[in-house]
Amino acid sequence: MIVIDCPGALKSGAQSSARAAGILGFSMFSSRRFFALDDEMHLDAEGLRDFLEHNGNRRILLFGFTFMVWQHFYRALVHLREQGISFDLSRGVLIHGGGWKKLRAEAVSRDELHRRLEDVCSLREIHDYYGMAEQTGCVCMECEYGHLHTSVFSDVIVRRPLDFSEAVPGETGIVQVLSTLPESYPGHSLLTEDEGVLLGTDDCPCGRKGRYFKITGRLRNAELRGCSDTYAAKFS
């Protein structure tokens, strides 16, 4: 697994942060973990090359928060390619999340992010996810059609902002997330400050069952909370 973050994210009392929680949570799926960035948030090119030399013929999971992937990983790879240095991540699968606000402000869409990463390092399998530390187990993965899917342990409801009645598919509203997993606190049902659209149930072209949806943004004047968005705010 390649973590597109720095080792310091797990130090200095950061273990309880959402950023550390994301890294540690997805690390459970790996047999070996490599941090692609140093504590100055610079790409460790030599370490990455060594890691790929030893593991390049295996399936590699990459995990990072969306803005960090863009700011510290993609841009560094572009700079290295200009110097004649390139990396082949064609066997990689990138899972990223945490907010799109800064990238959308720079006019970088989902398709544009995918296109650029494939161009610079041959990375083709890229999946966004939607989840939050406030609700254990609420991780909705993006399928190949760009739709977010609830798991068998979770669900999502889109509510109209005026009376909180349930919106119909295709109607924008406030996202409510449900999960069967939280037991030590009342996190089984949370009304978020995210706007989204329920796209359908059991009929996504990818073949996966259950509800699928998309996030369209944050409610106006809502505080930034996503790991990627809060980190990106420092670059404004």
Protein backbone atom coordinates (compact mmCIF):
# COMPACT_ATOMS: atom_id res chain seq x y z
CA MET A 1 0.00 0.00 0.00
CA ILE A 2 1.20 3.50 -0.89
CA VAL A 3 -0.09 6.16 1.48
CA ILE A 4 -0.12 9.58 -0.18
CA ASP A 5 0.61 11.36 3.08
CA CYS A 6 3.49 11.75 5.52
CA PRO A 7 4.44 9.53 8.50
CA GLY A 8 3.87 12.51 10.79
CA ALA A 9 0.14 12.20 10.19
CA LEU A 10 0.20 9.32 12.68
CA LYS A 11 2.43 11.05 15.23
CA SER A 12 2.23 13.93 17.69
CA GLY A 13 -1.10 12.92 19.13
CA ALA A 14 -2.76 12.75 15.72
CA GLN A 15 -3.99 9.18 16.25
CA SER A 16 -7.49 10.40 17.02
CA SER A 17 -7.75 12.68 13.99
CA ALA A 18 -9.89 11.83 10.99
CA ARG A 19 -6.80 11.94 8.80
CA ALA A 20 -5.01 9.31 10.87
CA ALA A 21 -8.21 7.26 11.12
CA GLY A 22 -8.46 7.10 7.33
CA ILE A 23 -4.85 5.98 6.94
CA LEU A 24 -5.07 3.35 9.68
CA GLY A 25 -8.45 2.11 8.50
CA PHE A 26 -7.41 1.45 4.91
CA SER A 27 -4.02 0.11 6.04
CA MET A 28 -5.83 -2.99 7.30
CA PHE A 29 -6.04 -4.10 3.66
CA SER A 30 -2.27 -3.93 3.13
CA SER A 31 0.64 -6.22 3.89
CA ARG A 32 3.24 -3.45 3.65
CA ARG A 33 2.81 0.30 3.97
CA PHE A 34 4.91 3.03 2.33
CA PHE A 35 4.42 6.75 2.90
CA ALA A 36 4.95 8.54 -0.41
CA LEU A 37 5.53 11.95 1.22
CA ASP A 38 8.04 13.05 3.83
CA ASP A 39 7.10 15.22 6.79
CA GLU A 40 7.67 18.33 4.66
CA MET A 41 5.01 16.98 2.27
CA HIS A 42 7.55 16.40 -0.51
CA LEU A 43 7.39 13.28 -2.67
CA ASP A 44 9.92 10.64 -1.64
CA ALA A 45 10.89 9.74 -5.20
CA GLU A 46 13.73 7.41 -4.25
CA GLY A 47 11.58 5.58 -1.74
CA LEU A 48 8.77 5.27 -4.27
CA ARG A 49 11.12 3.84 -6.88
CA ASP A 50 12.49 1.31 -4.38
CA PHE A 51 8.98 0.32 -3.31
CA LEU A 52 7.87 -0.23 -6.90
CA GLU A 53 11.01 -2.22 -7.73
CA HIS A 54 10.12 -4.67 -4.95
CA ASN A 55 6.35 -4.66 -5.37
CA GLY A 56 5.64 -3.37 -8.88
CA ASN A 57 4.47 -6.75 -10.16
CA ARG A 58 1.84 -7.00 -7.42
CA ARG A 59 -1.52 -5.31 -6.99
CA ILE A 60 -0.91 -2.03 -5.17
CA LEU A 61 -3.46 -0.09 -3.14
CA LEU A 62 -2.95 3.68 -3.01
CA PHE A 63 -4.79 5.80 -0.46
CA GLY A 64 -4.84 9.56 0.01
CA PHE A 65 -7.03 12.57 0.57
CA THR A 66 -8.13 14.18 -2.64
CA PHE A 67 -6.33 17.51 -2.41
CA MET A 68 -3.09 15.89 -1.21
CA VAL A 69 -3.18 13.53 -4.17
CA TRP A 70 -3.47 16.54 -6.45
CA GLN A 71 -1.15 19.00 -4.71
CA HIS A 72 1.69 16.78 -3.48
CA PHE A 73 1.55 13.64 -5.60
CA TYR A 74 0.27 14.49 -9.07
CA ARG A 75 2.12 17.81 -9.33
CA ALA A 76 5.35 16.22 -8.10
CA LEU A 77 5.04 13.45 -10.71
CA VAL A 78 4.54 16.05 -13.44
CA HIS A 79 7.67 17.89 -12.30
CA LEU A 80 9.71 14.67 -12.24
CA ARG A 81 8.51 13.66 -15.69
CA GLU A 82 9.79 16.98 -17.03
CA GLN A 83 13.20 15.81 -15.76
CA GLY A 84 12.85 12.46 -17.49
CA ILE A 85 11.81 10.53 -14.37
CA SER A 86 8.56 8.55 -14.49
CA PHE A 87 6.74 5.88 -12.50
CA ASP A 88 4.45 3.09 -13.67
CA LEU A 89 1.40 2.65 -11.43
CA SER A 90 -0.69 0.77 -13.96
CA ARG A 91 -1.23 -2.05 -11.44
CA GLY A 92 -2.39 0.37 -8.78
CA VAL A 93 -5.85 1.12 -7.40
CA LEU A 94 -6.28 4.57 -5.89
CA ILE A 95 -8.90 5.22 -3.21
CA HIS A 96 -9.23 8.89 -2.32
CA GLY A 97 -11.71 11.09 -0.50
CA GLY A 98 -12.16 13.89 1.98
CA GLY A 99 -13.57 16.72 -0.13
CA TRP A 100 -13.43 18.37 -3.55
CA LYS A 101 -13.92 22.05 -2.73
CA LYS A 102 -10.40 23.27 -3.57
CA LEU A 103 -10.09 21.19 -6.74
CA ARG A 104 -13.45 22.37 -8.03
CA ALA A 105 -12.31 25.94 -7.40
CA GLU A 106 -9.35 25.15 -9.67
CA ALA A 107 -11.75 23.72 -12.28
CA VAL A 108 -10.50 20.15 -11.78
CA SER A 109 -13.37 17.71 -12.24
CA ARG A 110 -13.47 14.02 -11.48
CA ASP A 111 -12.85 13.12 -15.12
CA GLU A 112 -10.00 15.61 -15.36
CA LEU A 113 -8.32 14.19 -12.26
CA HIS A 114 -8.61 10.67 -13.69
CA ARG A 115 -7.25 11.74 -17.06
CA ARG A 116 -4.24 13.52 -15.62
CA LEU A 117 -3.27 10.71 -13.25
CA GLU A 118 -3.46 8.18 -16.06
CA ASP A 119 -1.34 10.43 -18.24
CA VAL A 120 1.40 10.98 -15.67
CA CYS A 121 1.73 7.49 -14.15
CA SER A 122 -0.67 5.13 -16.02
CA LEU A 123 -2.98 4.93 -12.98
CA ARG A 124 -6.41 3.94 -14.31
CA GLU A 125 -8.39 2.48 -11.42
CA ILE A 126 -9.41 5.47 -9.31
CA HIS A 127 -12.29 5.51 -6.84
CA ASP A 128 -13.60 8.31 -4.66
CA TYR A 129 -15.29 7.45 -1.39
CA TYR A 130 -17.65 9.22 0.98
CA GLY A 131 -17.36 8.72 4.69
CA MET A 132 -16.74 10.48 7.99
CA ALA A 133 -15.06 9.80 11.31
CA GLU A 134 -18.29 10.87 13.02
CA GLN A 135 -19.98 7.67 11.84
CA THR A 136 -18.02 4.48 12.18
CA GLY A 137 -18.44 2.26 9.15
CA CYS A 138 -20.08 4.81 6.87
CA VAL A 139 -17.81 4.42 3.86
CA CYS A 140 -19.59 4.63 0.52
CA MET A 141 -17.38 3.62 -2.40
CA GLU A 142 -17.55 4.98 -5.92
CA CYS A 143 -18.14 2.47 -8.69
CA GLU A 144 -16.75 2.59 -12.21
CA TYR A 145 -19.68 4.76 -13.29
CA GLY A 146 -18.88 7.44 -10.73
CA HIS A 147 -21.77 6.59 -8.41
CA LEU A 148 -21.39 6.32 -4.63
CA HIS A 149 -22.83 3.09 -3.19
CA THR A 150 -23.98 2.34 0.33
CA SER A 151 -22.74 -0.87 1.94
CA VAL A 152 -24.82 -3.69 3.41
CA PHE A 153 -24.24 -2.06 6.82
CA SER A 154 -25.30 1.46 5.83
CA ASP A 155 -27.86 3.53 3.97
CA VAL A 156 -28.45 7.09 2.85
CA ILE A 157 -31.51 9.33 2.74
CA VAL A 158 -31.73 12.68 0.92
CA ARG A 159 -34.06 15.13 2.69
CA ARG A 160 -35.71 18.33 1.51
CA PRO A 161 -34.28 21.30 3.45
CA LEU A 162 -37.61 23.04 4.10
CA ASP A 163 -39.46 20.26 5.94
CA PHE A 164 -36.95 17.36 6.04
CA SER A 165 -39.30 15.11 4.10
CA GLU A 166 -37.64 12.45 1.98
CA ALA A 167 -36.62 13.66 -1.47
CA VAL A 168 -37.31 11.61 -4.58
CA PRO A 169 -34.51 10.29 -6.81
CA GLY A 170 -33.00 13.10 -8.85
CA GLU A 171 -33.91 15.80 -6.31
CA THR A 172 -31.14 17.66 -4.49
CA GLY A 173 -31.34 17.78 -0.71
CA ILE A 174 -29.49 17.31 2.58
CA VAL A 175 -27.73 13.98 3.02
CA GLN A 176 -28.59 11.80 6.02
CA VAL A 177 -26.36 8.78 6.61
CA LEU A 178 -27.35 5.61 8.47
CA SER A 179 -25.18 2.80 9.80
CA THR A 180 -25.73 -0.31 11.91
CA LEU A 181 -22.16 -0.31 13.25
CA PRO A 182 -21.91 2.48 15.89
CA GLU A 183 -22.87 1.16 19.34
CA SER A 184 -20.85 3.22 21.81
CA TYR A 185 -22.48 6.53 20.79
CA PRO A 186 -25.62 7.66 18.89
CA GLY A 187 -23.95 7.64 15.48
CA HIS A 188 -26.38 5.31 13.73
CA SER A 189 -28.25 8.24 12.11
CA LEU A 190 -26.59 11.54 11.26
CA LEU A 191 -27.89 14.52 9.33
CA THR A 192 -24.84 15.95 7.53
CA GLU A 193 -24.19 19.39 6.10
CA ASP A 194 -23.63 17.90 2.65
CA GLU A 195 -25.91 18.29 -0.35
CA GLY A 196 -26.53 15.31 -2.56
CA VAL A 197 -28.83 13.52 -4.96
CA LEU A 198 -30.20 9.99 -4.67
CA LEU A 199 -29.73 8.49 -8.13
CA GLY A 200 -31.59 5.22 -7.72
CA THR A 201 -31.90 1.86 -6.00
CA ASP A 202 -30.76 -1.56 -7.26
CA ASP A 203 -30.41 -0.35 -10.86
CA CYS A 204 -26.88 1.09 -11.18
CA PRO A 205 -25.26 0.02 -14.47
CA CYS A 206 -22.35 -1.45 -12.48
CA GLY A 207 -24.69 -4.18 -11.21
CA ARG A 208 -24.24 -3.49 -7.49
CA LYS A 209 -27.43 -3.46 -5.45
CA GLY A 210 -28.67 -0.93 -2.92
CA ARG A 211 -28.98 2.83 -3.04
CA TYR A 212 -26.51 4.88 -5.02
CA PHE A 213 -26.05 8.63 -4.98
CA LYS A 214 -23.74 11.57 -5.58
CA ILE A 215 -22.56 14.45 -3.42
CA THR A 216 -23.02 17.87 -5.02
CA GLY A 217 -21.39 20.07 -2.37
CA ARG A 218 -21.69 21.59 1.09
CA LEU A 219 -24.59 23.61 2.41
CA ARG A 220 -23.99 27.35 2.09
CA ASN A 221 -21.98 28.76 5.02
CA ALA A 222 -21.36 25.27 6.43
CA GLU A 223 -18.01 24.77 8.12
CA LEU A 224 -15.39 22.83 6.15
CA ARG A 225 -14.94 19.41 7.74
CA GLY A 226 -13.58 17.06 5.10
CA CYS A 227 -9.94 16.06 5.63
CA SER A 228 -9.02 17.18 2.13
CA ASP A 229 -10.93 20.47 2.29
CA THR A 230 -9.65 21.53 5.70
CA TYR A 231 -6.06 20.79 4.66
CA ALA A 232 -6.53 22.56 1.31
CA ALA A 233 -7.77 25.71 3.06
CA LYS A 234 -4.17 26.43 4.05
CA PHE A 235 -3.34 26.85 0.36
CA SER A 236 -5.96 29.54 -0.29
